[in-house]
Amino acid sequence: MSLPPDLAVGALYDSLLEAALRQFFDRAVLDSLSVPAVSDAAGFSIDSAPDPSTMSIRWFGTRYTLRVRGRWPFTPHEVRLARAIGAVLAARYRAVLNPRIVAERGDLFRGALEDRYVGAFLDTESYTIEAREARADRIASIIELLRVAALSSYESRPISTGLLLLGTRTDPSRPSVPVSLSAPTYTESLASIKSFFRLADGVRTVFLANADGQLLDIIDIERWAAELPEQPVQHVACANVYQAHARATLQHGNVCAVLSPSREIKVFAEGAEAFTFRGAAWHLLDLKSKYDVWAAAVGDEGLASCLFQAALNLSDAREGALFVVLREPGADAGRLVAPADRLDVPVPGTMPSGRPSRRDLLHLLEGRTLTDLDPSVLAALASLDGATVVDRTGRLLAAGAILRHPPLDEVFNGVGHGGAIEGARTTAAMAASRFGPVLKVSEDGMITFFDRDRVWEI
């Protein structure tokens, strides 16, 4: 016997909510329990919980509970994303049951549902599907165009492009210039113009659109952002190459979305990179919250900022690296790093041979502090096979070091991996994290923080 339409739709949207929660909160354990619904009008709500490691979500007749382990509880951005997911699904649920809305706003059911979550997160207004031309939906349409571009090429080369979507009707740098009545809107239809993707590369140049999505200009993003009034910026907003994109979003609710040369979609808002689409999935970066946890573990703001920024730069360049900050270098350096790799102690029994060695070359950096190195030199050190090891003051202890570690069953014992096989860099990171905080950068762009166990990933 077939289900009534409202029950069938309800079952579908229950599964959509569960899928979204599992996708965006994969570090949490999800439980569900049927409870009496107070009111169908409520739809989606997040109940207040005294435990910051628990998020209690009410969805019509079901209560979902998300729980995270460890010392990194749910952050304000994660709660905000959960609300965005619920707002989009609740609005669509009601629209499906209303033929008038479906007929008038069929565009809202086009494209990837996950893009609507991102748009609703970035929109400061409440998400309602009845509202025409909502900013959240405009952001989702922009992302849809970038998805098309990611699957395309121009003269056999990958496409990169981008757009700065203003929160104002006019360009703040040229407020007296009126919007042309013939200005096109940034939509998927522009992808049919052969030269469209050549006009803005997304790194140095981007399209500029007003709050209504009308194209105003093609701008040099560095120059445009430099003309903005000075405002405080985050320590760690994004990779260096996209610093101007982040600064451009500090005011008026501006949002910048780009398709990078590595075919990764990056979304900047509120002065930082907020989301990235890679590996066929969206990721909420939440950089400030993750940086704060990292900085607390390192104990030195300058060192923490330096290493975190280096990790972001290497991630964007798709270069692997491993950074280790030893808490007790006097006791632990010898347990982790072989004498031949250490820069803080002489190697006994070595005699000058007249032929320089790798150690002689690296001893150019003997006694140096990592925070005093130029970023390009630090990037070169990190690119060496092996780990870069420092103490909590930033003093360089080793570079390109192959770390010592105990048998694998000891490394993974008690850290929730169940003896799973890991790559060599991950195994080294887990072993080193017994002695201090570790940042691991994978060549696929993933950054992982370990401190005796896996704490977070970007």
Protein backbone atom coordinates (compact mmCIF):
# COMPACT_ATOMS: atom_id res chain seq x y z
CA MET A 1 0.00 0.00 0.00
CA SER A 2 1.47 3.37 -1.03
CA LEU A 3 2.21 6.08 1.51
CA PRO A 4 0.20 9.32 1.55
CA PRO A 5 2.13 12.09 -0.23
CA ASP A 6 2.91 14.06 2.94
CA LEU A 7 4.32 10.97 4.66
CA ALA A 8 6.39 10.04 1.60
CA VAL A 9 7.78 13.57 1.39
CA GLY A 10 8.45 13.53 5.12
CA ALA A 11 10.41 10.29 4.86
CA LEU A 12 12.43 11.73 1.97
CA TYR A 13 13.33 14.87 3.89
CA ASP A 14 14.18 12.88 7.00
CA SER A 15 16.77 11.04 4.93
CA LEU A 16 18.05 14.30 3.40
CA LEU A 17 18.56 15.80 6.83
CA GLU A 18 20.39 12.72 8.09
CA ALA A 19 22.62 12.70 5.00
CA ALA A 20 23.49 16.37 5.43
CA LEU A 21 24.30 15.98 9.12
CA ARG A 22 26.53 12.99 8.43
CA GLN A 23 28.29 14.79 5.58
CA PHE A 24 29.08 18.06 7.33
CA PHE A 25 29.52 16.64 10.84
CA ASP A 26 31.41 13.45 10.11
CA ARG A 27 33.42 13.86 13.31
CA ALA A 28 30.22 13.48 15.35
CA VAL A 29 28.10 10.48 16.27
CA LEU A 30 24.48 10.86 15.10
CA ASP A 31 21.56 9.36 17.03
CA SER A 32 17.84 9.75 16.36
CA LEU A 33 14.77 9.30 18.54
CA SER A 34 11.07 9.67 17.77
CA VAL A 35 9.48 12.28 20.02
CA PRO A 36 6.08 13.95 20.11
CA ALA A 37 6.14 16.97 17.83
CA VAL A 38 5.20 20.14 19.68
CA SER A 39 4.08 21.80 16.47
CA ASP A 40 4.58 21.06 12.80
CA ALA A 41 4.99 24.81 12.33
CA ALA A 42 8.31 24.60 14.13
CA GLY A 43 9.77 22.28 11.51
CA PHE A 44 13.43 22.52 12.44
CA SER A 45 14.94 23.79 15.68
CA ILE A 46 18.10 23.39 17.73
CA ASP A 47 17.49 22.96 21.44
CA SER A 48 19.84 24.61 23.89
CA ALA A 49 22.22 22.11 25.50
CA PRO A 50 24.46 22.64 28.54
CA ASP A 51 27.13 20.40 26.99
CA PRO A 52 28.92 22.16 24.06
CA SER A 53 29.93 18.73 22.74
CA THR A 54 26.27 17.89 22.07
CA MET A 55 23.87 19.37 19.54
CA SER A 56 20.19 18.48 19.93
CA ILE A 57 18.09 18.98 16.80
CA ARG A 58 14.32 18.69 16.58
CA TRP A 59 12.95 17.92 13.12
CA PHE A 60 9.15 17.59 13.21
CA GLY A 61 8.61 14.26 15.04
CA THR A 62 12.26 13.25 15.40
CA ARG A 63 15.02 14.42 17.69
CA TYR A 64 18.55 14.08 16.33
CA THR A 65 21.53 14.23 18.67
CA LEU A 66 25.04 14.93 17.47
CA ARG A 67 27.88 14.20 19.89
CA VAL A 68 31.58 14.87 19.44
CA ARG A 69 34.41 13.43 21.46
CA GLY A 70 37.62 15.04 22.57
CA ARG A 71 38.45 18.62 23.45
CA TRP A 72 37.03 20.30 20.37
CA PRO A 73 33.29 20.89 20.98
CA PHE A 74 30.84 22.26 18.44
CA THR A 75 31.79 25.75 17.27
CA PRO A 76 29.45 28.68 16.53
CA HIS A 77 30.03 28.17 12.80
CA GLU A 78 29.00 24.53 13.05
CA VAL A 79 25.78 25.42 14.86
CA ARG A 80 25.16 28.12 12.25
CA LEU A 81 25.63 25.57 9.47
CA ALA A 82 23.21 23.15 11.14
CA ARG A 83 20.62 25.94 11.25
CA ALA A 84 21.23 26.69 7.57
CA ILE A 85 20.72 23.05 6.63
CA GLY A 86 17.49 22.90 8.62
CA ALA A 87 16.19 26.18 7.16
CA VAL A 88 16.74 25.01 3.57
CA LEU A 89 15.16 21.61 4.10
CA ALA A 90 12.19 22.97 6.06
CA ALA A 91 11.50 25.56 3.35
CA ARG A 92 11.74 22.98 0.58
CA TYR A 93 9.58 20.54 2.48
CA ARG A 94 6.77 23.08 2.67
CA ALA A 95 7.28 24.10 -0.96
CA VAL A 96 6.93 20.52 -2.20
CA LEU A 97 3.53 20.37 -0.55
CA ASN A 98 2.48 23.69 -2.11
CA PRO A 99 1.93 23.47 -5.90
CA ARG A 100 1.87 27.26 -6.24
CA ILE A 101 5.37 27.66 -4.83
CA VAL A 102 6.71 24.82 -6.96
CA ALA A 103 5.26 26.46 -10.08
CA GLU A 104 6.62 29.92 -9.22
CA ARG A 105 10.00 28.95 -7.82
CA GLY A 106 11.01 25.85 -9.73
CA ASP A 107 14.54 27.27 -10.01
CA LEU A 108 15.02 26.59 -6.30
CA PHE A 109 15.00 22.84 -6.96
CA ARG A 110 17.72 23.03 -9.59
CA GLY A 111 21.35 22.22 -8.88
CA ALA A 112 22.98 20.57 -5.89
CA LEU A 113 21.12 20.79 -2.59
CA GLU A 114 24.42 21.21 -0.73
CA ASP A 115 25.01 24.50 -2.56
CA ARG A 116 21.82 25.86 -0.96
CA TYR A 117 23.19 24.99 2.48
CA VAL A 118 26.30 27.03 1.75
CA GLY A 119 24.21 29.92 0.45
CA ALA A 120 21.93 29.87 3.50
CA PHE A 121 24.97 29.87 5.81
CA LEU A 122 26.39 32.95 4.09
CA ASP A 123 23.09 34.83 3.93
CA THR A 124 22.41 36.91 7.02
CA GLU A 125 18.66 36.95 6.36
CA SER A 126 16.35 34.11 7.36
CA TYR A 127 16.03 31.57 4.57
CA THR A 128 12.48 31.36 3.21
CA ILE A 129 11.76 29.67 -0.05
CA GLU A 130 8.84 31.99 -0.75
CA ALA A 131 11.18 35.00 -1.03
CA ARG A 132 12.08 35.82 -4.61
CA GLU A 133 15.72 36.33 -5.52
CA ALA A 134 16.95 35.54 -2.01
CA ARG A 135 20.66 36.18 -1.58
CA ALA A 136 21.22 32.59 -0.42
CA ASP A 137 19.81 31.30 -3.71
CA ARG A 138 21.87 33.79 -5.70
CA ILE A 139 25.03 32.48 -4.03
CA ALA A 140 23.95 28.91 -4.86
CA SER A 141 23.45 29.92 -8.52
CA ILE A 142 26.97 31.38 -8.60
CA ILE A 143 28.36 28.14 -7.22
CA GLU A 144 26.40 26.23 -9.86
CA LEU A 145 28.15 28.19 -12.60
CA LEU A 146 31.53 27.39 -11.03
CA ARG A 147 30.59 23.71 -10.99
CA VAL A 148 29.95 23.93 -14.74
CA ALA A 149 33.32 25.62 -15.20
CA ALA A 150 35.07 22.90 -13.17
CA LEU A 151 33.86 20.31 -15.67
CA SER A 152 34.95 22.41 -18.64
CA SER A 153 38.24 23.42 -20.22
CA TYR A 154 39.45 26.16 -22.53
CA GLU A 155 41.92 25.20 -25.25
CA SER A 156 42.61 21.94 -23.39
CA ARG A 157 43.48 23.77 -20.15
CA PRO A 158 41.54 23.72 -16.86
CA ILE A 159 39.43 26.78 -16.24
CA SER A 160 39.86 29.05 -13.22
CA THR A 161 37.54 31.98 -12.61
CA GLY A 162 35.75 33.86 -9.86
CA LEU A 163 33.27 36.49 -8.75
CA LEU A 164 33.04 39.04 -5.95
CA LEU A 165 29.36 39.41 -5.04
CA LEU A 166 28.76 42.71 -3.26
CA GLY A 167 26.23 43.32 -0.56
CA THR A 168 25.52 46.74 -2.09
CA ARG A 169 23.80 47.94 -5.28
CA THR A 170 26.87 49.87 -6.51
CA ASP A 171 30.63 49.43 -6.44
CA PRO A 172 31.96 51.12 -3.23
CA SER A 173 35.10 52.15 -5.11
CA ARG A 174 32.98 53.89 -7.77
CA PRO A 175 29.68 54.73 -6.04
CA SER A 176 28.80 57.45 -8.53
CA VAL A 177 28.83 55.09 -11.53
CA PRO A 178 25.27 53.91 -12.24
CA VAL A 179 24.46 50.27 -13.04
CA SER A 180 24.00 49.79 -16.78
CA LEU A 181 20.50 48.68 -17.75
CA SER A 182 22.09 46.20 -20.16
CA ALA A 183 24.40 44.67 -17.55
CA PRO A 184 24.03 40.87 -17.62
CA THR A 185 23.38 38.84 -14.48
CA TYR A 186 25.98 36.33 -13.35
CA THR A 187 24.17 33.10 -14.19
CA GLU A 188 24.89 29.78 -15.84
CA SER A 189 23.83 31.20 -19.21
CA LEU A 190 27.13 33.13 -19.35
CA ALA A 191 29.00 29.83 -19.64
CA SER A 192 27.87 29.59 -23.27
CA ILE A 193 30.01 32.63 -24.18
CA LYS A 194 33.29 31.21 -25.41
CA SER A 195 35.54 33.95 -24.02
CA PHE A 196 33.72 34.31 -20.69
CA PHE A 197 36.15 32.26 -18.64
CA ARG A 198 39.19 34.05 -20.09
CA LEU A 199 38.15 37.44 -18.72
CA ALA A 200 38.75 36.63 -15.03
CA ASP A 201 41.21 34.00 -13.81
CA GLY A 202 39.89 33.92 -10.23
CA VAL A 203 43.34 34.51 -8.75
CA ARG A 204 44.37 37.99 -9.93
CA THR A 205 41.14 39.08 -11.57
CA VAL A 206 37.48 38.40 -10.76
CA PHE A 207 34.11 39.57 -11.99
CA LEU A 208 32.37 42.12 -9.79
CA ALA A 209 28.59 41.89 -9.30
CA ASN A 210 26.22 43.95 -7.20
CA ALA A 211 23.75 42.67 -4.64
CA ASP A 212 21.27 41.84 -7.42
CA GLY A 213 23.85 39.74 -9.26
CA GLN A 214 24.33 42.25 -12.10
CA LEU A 215 27.87 42.43 -13.45
CA LEU A 216 29.54 45.77 -12.76
CA ASP A 217 33.14 45.27 -13.73
CA ILE A 218 36.17 43.01 -14.06
CA ILE A 219 38.60 43.92 -11.28
CA ASP A 220 42.11 43.27 -10.08
CA ILE A 221 41.17 41.86 -6.68
CA GLU A 222 44.39 42.99 -4.99
CA ARG A 223 43.94 46.59 -6.12
CA TRP A 224 40.23 46.61 -5.30
CA ALA A 225 40.74 45.23 -1.79
CA ALA A 226 43.60 47.68 -1.16
CA GLU A 227 41.22 50.60 -1.65
CA LEU A 228 38.93 49.46 1.17
CA PRO A 229 39.14 51.22 4.56
CA GLU A 230 41.54 49.51 6.94
CA GLN A 231 39.85 46.86 9.06
CA PRO A 232 41.20 44.22 11.45
CA VAL A 233 41.79 40.88 9.74
CA GLN A 234 42.14 37.37 11.08
CA HIS A 235 45.60 35.97 11.78
CA VAL A 236 44.85 33.06 9.47
CA ALA A 237 42.29 33.93 6.84
CA CYS A 238 43.43 31.70 3.95
CA ALA A 239 46.45 30.88 1.79
CA ASN A 240 48.58 33.92 0.88
CA VAL A 241 47.55 33.86 -2.76
CA TYR A 242 43.93 34.53 -1.75
CA GLN A 243 44.50 37.12 1.00
CA ALA A 244 42.97 39.89 -1.14
CA HIS A 245 39.86 37.77 -1.77
CA ALA A 246 39.36 37.42 1.98
CA ARG A 247 39.93 41.13 2.65
CA ALA A 248 37.38 42.01 -0.03
CA THR A 249 34.66 40.31 2.05
CA LEU A 250 35.25 42.21 5.29
CA GLN A 251 32.47 44.73 4.62
CA HIS A 252 28.82 44.88 3.56
CA GLY A 253 28.35 41.09 3.59
CA ASN A 254 30.42 40.69 0.40
CA VAL A 255 31.01 37.10 -0.74
CA CYS A 256 33.76 35.94 -3.09
CA ALA A 257 33.60 32.58 -4.87
CA VAL A 258 36.39 31.26 -7.07
CA LEU A 259 37.28 28.15 -9.00
CA SER A 260 41.00 27.67 -8.35
CA PRO A 261 43.54 26.31 -10.86
CA SER A 262 43.36 22.99 -8.97
CA ARG A 263 39.59 22.88 -9.74
CA GLU A 264 38.67 23.50 -6.13
CA ILE A 265 35.79 25.88 -5.40
CA LYS A 266 36.67 28.33 -2.63
CA VAL A 267 34.14 30.61 -0.94
CA PHE A 268 35.29 33.62 1.09
CA ALA A 269 33.10 35.55 3.53
CA GLU A 270 33.53 37.69 6.64
CA GLY A 271 37.22 38.15 5.96
CA ALA A 272 38.27 34.51 5.64
CA GLU A 273 37.92 31.41 3.48
CA ALA A 274 34.68 29.88 4.75
CA PHE A 275 34.04 26.83 2.54
CA THR A 276 35.90 24.71 0.05
CA PHE A 277 34.54 22.14 -2.38
CA ARG A 278 37.04 19.37 -3.02
CA GLY A 279 36.88 15.62 -3.19
CA ALA A 280 33.27 15.89 -4.45
CA ALA A 281 32.09 17.39 -1.12
CA TRP A 282 31.73 20.72 0.65
CA HIS A 283 33.84 21.38 3.73
CA LEU A 284 33.20 24.06 6.35
CA LEU A 285 36.70 25.33 7.16
CA ASP A 286 35.98 27.23 10.41
CA LEU A 287 39.59 28.42 10.38
CA LYS A 288 39.45 30.71 13.41
CA SER A 289 38.08 28.06 15.76
CA LYS A 290 40.59 25.50 14.55
CA TYR A 291 43.45 27.96 14.77
CA ASP A 292 42.51 28.84 18.35
CA VAL A 293 42.75 25.16 19.37
CA TRP A 294 46.09 24.84 17.58
CA ALA A 295 47.50 28.05 19.10
CA ALA A 296 46.51 26.96 22.61
CA ALA A 297 48.39 23.69 22.12
CA VAL A 298 51.52 25.40 20.74
CA GLY A 299 51.56 28.05 23.47
CA ASP A 300 53.26 30.75 21.37
CA GLU A 301 51.07 33.00 19.20
CA GLY A 302 53.81 33.94 16.73
CA LEU A 303 54.94 30.37 16.17
CA ALA A 304 51.38 29.04 15.94
CA SER A 305 50.42 31.68 13.36
CA CYS A 306 53.58 31.11 11.31
CA LEU A 307 53.11 27.33 11.09
CA PHE A 308 49.37 27.53 10.46
CA GLN A 309 49.84 30.02 7.62
CA ALA A 310 52.58 27.87 6.12
CA ALA A 311 50.26 24.86 6.24
CA LEU A 312 47.51 26.79 4.44
CA ASN A 313 49.94 27.90 1.73
CA LEU A 314 51.30 24.39 1.22
CA SER A 315 47.80 22.94 1.16
CA ASP A 316 46.75 25.33 -1.59
CA ALA A 317 49.89 24.43 -3.57
CA ARG A 318 49.15 20.72 -3.02
CA GLU A 319 52.51 20.09 -1.34
CA GLY A 320 52.88 17.74 1.60
CA ALA A 321 54.58 18.68 4.87
CA LEU A 322 54.88 17.75 8.53
CA PHE A 323 55.46 20.26 11.37
CA VAL A 324 56.23 19.12 14.92
CA VAL A 325 56.43 21.37 18.02
CA LEU A 326 58.16 19.56 20.89
CA ARG A 327 56.98 20.38 24.41
CA GLU A 328 60.11 19.02 26.10
CA PRO A 329 62.90 19.13 23.50
CA GLY A 330 65.62 18.26 25.97
CA ALA A 331 63.97 14.97 26.90
CA ASP A 332 62.15 14.08 23.69
CA ALA A 333 64.21 15.31 20.74
CA GLY A 334 66.53 12.31 20.92
CA ARG A 335 63.61 9.90 21.14
CA LEU A 336 62.01 11.32 18.01
CA VAL A 337 64.88 12.50 15.80
CA ALA A 338 68.06 10.60 14.94
CA PRO A 339 71.33 12.38 15.90
CA ALA A 340 72.34 12.73 12.26
CA ASP A 341 69.21 14.79 11.56
CA ARG A 342 69.39 17.12 14.56
CA LEU A 343 70.55 20.69 14.08
CA ASP A 344 70.83 21.49 17.79
CA VAL A 345 73.58 19.00 18.72
CA PRO A 346 76.90 18.01 17.14
CA VAL A 347 77.19 14.55 15.65
CA PRO A 348 79.82 12.57 17.56
CA GLY A 349 82.57 10.83 15.66
CA THR A 350 82.32 12.84 12.43
CA MET A 351 85.44 14.17 10.76
CA PRO A 352 85.71 16.80 8.04
CA SER A 353 86.16 15.04 4.70
CA GLY A 354 86.31 18.04 2.43
CA ARG A 355 83.10 16.88 0.82
CA PRO A 356 79.95 18.68 2.02
CA SER A 357 77.01 16.61 3.19
CA ARG A 358 73.28 17.23 3.51
CA ARG A 359 73.84 17.93 7.19
CA ASP A 360 76.44 20.58 6.36
CA LEU A 361 73.95 22.24 4.05
CA LEU A 362 71.16 22.27 6.62
CA HIS A 363 73.52 23.62 9.27
CA LEU A 364 73.28 26.94 7.48
CA LEU A 365 70.10 27.18 9.55
CA GLU A 366 71.67 26.09 12.84
CA GLY A 367 70.48 28.19 15.75
CA ARG A 368 67.77 29.90 13.69
CA THR A 369 64.24 30.53 14.88
CA LEU A 370 61.52 29.43 12.49
CA THR A 371 59.55 32.66 12.91
CA ASP A 372 62.57 34.63 11.67
CA LEU A 373 62.75 32.74 8.39
CA ASP A 374 61.24 34.19 5.24
CA PRO A 375 58.00 32.36 4.33
CA SER A 376 59.56 31.16 1.08
CA VAL A 377 62.49 29.63 2.99
CA LEU A 378 60.10 27.93 5.41
CA ALA A 379 58.13 26.54 2.45
CA ALA A 380 61.37 25.18 0.95
CA LEU A 381 62.26 23.49 4.26
CA ALA A 382 58.80 21.98 4.56
CA SER A 383 59.06 20.56 1.04
CA LEU A 384 61.97 18.32 2.07
CA ASP A 385 61.11 14.68 2.64
CA GLY A 386 60.57 14.26 6.36
CA ALA A 387 59.50 16.54 9.21
CA THR A 388 60.34 20.05 10.33
CA VAL A 389 60.82 19.93 14.12
CA VAL A 390 60.97 22.96 16.44
CA ASP A 391 60.67 23.65 20.15
CA ARG A 392 57.97 25.87 21.67
CA THR A 393 60.07 29.00 21.09
CA GLY A 394 60.36 28.20 17.39
CA ARG A 395 64.04 27.14 17.52
CA LEU A 396 64.73 24.85 14.57
CA LEU A 397 65.76 21.38 15.77
CA ALA A 398 65.51 19.39 12.53
CA ALA A 399 64.44 19.75 8.91
CA GLY A 400 63.66 16.94 6.49
CA ALA A 401 63.97 14.49 9.39
CA ILE A 402 62.77 10.91 9.19
CA LEU A 403 61.12 10.48 12.57
CA ARG A 404 61.58 7.53 14.86
CA HIS A 405 58.40 5.83 15.98
CA PRO A 406 57.44 2.72 17.94
CA PRO A 407 55.62 -0.28 16.45
CA LEU A 408 52.33 0.63 14.75
CA ASP A 409 50.18 -1.06 17.39
CA GLU A 410 51.67 1.30 19.99
CA VAL A 411 51.17 4.37 17.79
CA PHE A 412 47.49 3.68 17.17
CA ASN A 413 46.67 2.19 20.57
CA GLY A 414 43.89 4.08 22.30
CA VAL A 415 43.40 6.78 19.67
CA GLY A 416 40.26 5.49 18.04
CA HIS A 417 41.74 4.10 14.83
CA GLY A 418 41.29 0.46 15.61
CA GLY A 419 44.65 -0.40 14.11
CA ALA A 420 43.64 0.94 10.70
CA ILE A 421 46.40 1.17 8.14
CA GLU A 422 47.59 4.75 7.63
CA GLY A 423 50.04 6.40 5.25
CA ALA A 424 53.66 6.99 6.21
CA ARG A 425 53.18 10.72 6.88
CA THR A 426 50.10 10.05 9.05
CA THR A 427 51.93 7.34 10.99
CA ALA A 428 54.84 9.72 11.60
CA ALA A 429 52.42 12.46 12.68
CA MET A 430 50.65 10.17 15.14
CA ALA A 431 53.96 9.05 16.62
CA ALA A 432 55.28 12.59 16.94
CA SER A 433 52.07 13.85 18.54
CA ARG A 434 53.03 11.99 21.74
CA PHE A 435 55.66 14.70 22.24
CA GLY A 436 53.80 17.80 21.11
CA PRO A 437 51.30 19.30 18.65
CA VAL A 438 51.69 18.31 14.99
CA LEU A 439 50.37 19.74 11.73
CA LYS A 440 50.26 17.36 8.77
CA VAL A 441 49.65 18.66 5.25
CA SER A 442 48.67 16.08 2.64
CA GLU A 443 49.26 16.45 -1.07
CA ASP A 444 45.49 16.33 -1.62
CA GLY A 445 45.17 19.60 0.33
CA MET A 446 44.00 18.18 3.66
CA ILE A 447 45.49 19.66 6.86
CA THR A 448 45.28 17.60 10.06
CA PHE A 449 46.15 18.59 13.61
CA PHE A 450 47.33 15.86 15.96
CA ASP A 451 47.97 16.19 19.68
CA ARG A 452 48.21 12.64 21.02
CA ASP A 453 45.24 11.91 18.77
CA ARG A 454 43.55 13.42 15.73
CA VAL A 455 41.97 16.72 16.84
CA TRP A 456 40.66 18.35 13.63
CA GLU A 457 40.97 18.39 9.87
CA ILE A 458 40.70 21.17 7.29
